[in-house]
Amino acid sequence: MPGRVEVSACGRYLTGGVFMAFFASFIQTAVKFIIMAAVAGCGLFLGKKLRDRKDV
């Protein structure tokens, strides 16, 4: 049937929309994680630079 994907691990059929929703949610979560990690990394880097500048 068009639009259906067989999952061989459990032998059941799922519609393509289920996989699209899962991957969309996964990608959205991954992008949020990357953005938060980048902001945290910038905060650590900037904090160290400002602390070193304050000690002088």
C-alpha atoms as a PDB file:
ATOM      1  CA  MET A   1       0.000   0.000   0.000  1.00  0.00           C
ATOM      2  CA  PRO A   2       1.344   3.462  -0.767  1.00  0.00           C
ATOM      3  CA  GLY A   3       2.108   5.571   2.285  1.00  0.00           C
ATOM      4  CA  ARG A   4       2.706   2.579   4.554  1.00  0.00           C
ATOM      5  CA  VAL A   5       6.055   1.410   5.834  1.00  0.00           C
ATOM      6  CA  GLU A   6       6.707  -2.044   7.253  1.00  0.00           C
ATOM      7  CA  VAL A   7       8.700  -2.202  10.456  1.00  0.00           C
ATOM      8  CA  SER A   8      10.512  -5.508  10.265  1.00  0.00           C
ATOM      9  CA  ALA A   9      11.531  -5.591  13.937  1.00  0.00           C
ATOM     10  CA  CYS A  10       7.979  -6.025  15.158  1.00  0.00           C
ATOM     11  CA  GLY A  11       6.299  -6.905  11.853  1.00  0.00           C
ATOM     12  CA  ARG A  12       3.665  -4.185  12.119  1.00  0.00           C
ATOM     13  CA  TYR A  13       2.657  -1.488   9.686  1.00  0.00           C
ATOM     14  CA  LEU A  14       2.895   2.198  10.516  1.00  0.00           C
ATOM     15  CA  THR A  15       1.955   5.120   8.357  1.00  0.00           C
ATOM     16  CA  GLY A  16       4.662   7.404   7.039  1.00  0.00           C
ATOM     17  CA  GLY A  17       3.178  10.278   9.038  1.00  0.00           C
ATOM     18  CA  VAL A  18       4.187   8.627  12.315  1.00  0.00           C
ATOM     19  CA  PHE A  19       7.825   8.549  11.219  1.00  0.00           C
ATOM     20  CA  MET A  20       7.654  12.118   9.914  1.00  0.00           C
ATOM     21  CA  ALA A  21       6.234  13.341  13.218  1.00  0.00           C
ATOM     22  CA  PHE A  22       8.918  11.487  15.170  1.00  0.00           C
ATOM     23  CA  PHE A  23      11.769  12.814  13.049  1.00  0.00           C
ATOM     24  CA  ALA A  24      10.359  16.356  13.092  1.00  0.00           C
ATOM     25  CA  SER A  25      10.181  16.250  16.878  1.00  0.00           C
ATOM     26  CA  PHE A  26      13.667  14.704  17.083  1.00  0.00           C
ATOM     27  CA  ILE A  27      15.194  17.351  14.812  1.00  0.00           C
ATOM     28  CA  GLN A  28      13.449  20.130  16.731  1.00  0.00           C
ATOM     29  CA  THR A  29      14.809  18.798  20.028  1.00  0.00           C
ATOM     30  CA  ALA A  30      18.304  18.395  18.560  1.00  0.00           C
ATOM     31  CA  VAL A  31      18.309  21.995  17.298  1.00  0.00           C
ATOM     32  CA  LYS A  32      17.220  23.256  20.730  1.00  0.00           C
ATOM     33  CA  PHE A  33      20.014  21.233  22.359  1.00  0.00           C
ATOM     34  CA  ILE A  34      22.622  22.620  19.954  1.00  0.00           C
ATOM     35  CA  ILE A  35      21.481  26.199  20.553  1.00  0.00           C
ATOM     36  CA  MET A  36      21.513  25.761  24.348  1.00  0.00           C
ATOM     37  CA  ALA A  37      24.963  24.128  24.237  1.00  0.00           C
ATOM     38  CA  ALA A  38      26.300  26.993  22.097  1.00  0.00           C
ATOM     39  CA  VAL A  39      24.905  29.620  24.491  1.00  0.00           C
ATOM     40  CA  ALA A  40      26.371  27.756  27.474  1.00  0.00           C
ATOM     41  CA  GLY A  41      29.764  27.459  25.761  1.00  0.00           C
ATOM     42  CA  CYS A  42      29.771  31.156  24.905  1.00  0.00           C
ATOM     43  CA  GLY A  43      28.858  31.976  28.504  1.00  0.00           C
ATOM     44  CA  LEU A  44      31.751  29.921  29.858  1.00  0.00           C
ATOM     45  CA  PHE A  45      34.203  31.431  27.387  1.00  0.00           C
ATOM     46  CA  LEU A  46      33.017  34.988  28.012  1.00  0.00           C
ATOM     47  CA  GLY A  47      33.000  34.467  31.794  1.00  0.00           C
ATOM     48  CA  LYS A  48      36.601  33.259  31.774  1.00  0.00           C
ATOM     49  CA  LYS A  49      37.686  36.185  29.603  1.00  0.00           C
ATOM     50  CA  LEU A  50      35.949  38.730  31.842  1.00  0.00           C
ATOM     51  CA  ARG A  51      37.352  37.122  34.998  1.00  0.00           C
ATOM     52  CA  ASP A  52      40.901  37.207  33.589  1.00  0.00           C
ATOM     53  CA  ARG A  53      40.430  40.845  32.614  1.00  0.00           C
ATOM     54  CA  LYS A  54      39.154  41.710  36.113  1.00  0.00           C
ATOM     55  CA  ASP A  55      42.218  40.182  37.834  1.00  0.00           C
ATOM     56  CA  VAL A  56      44.627  42.526  36.030  1.00  0.00           C
END
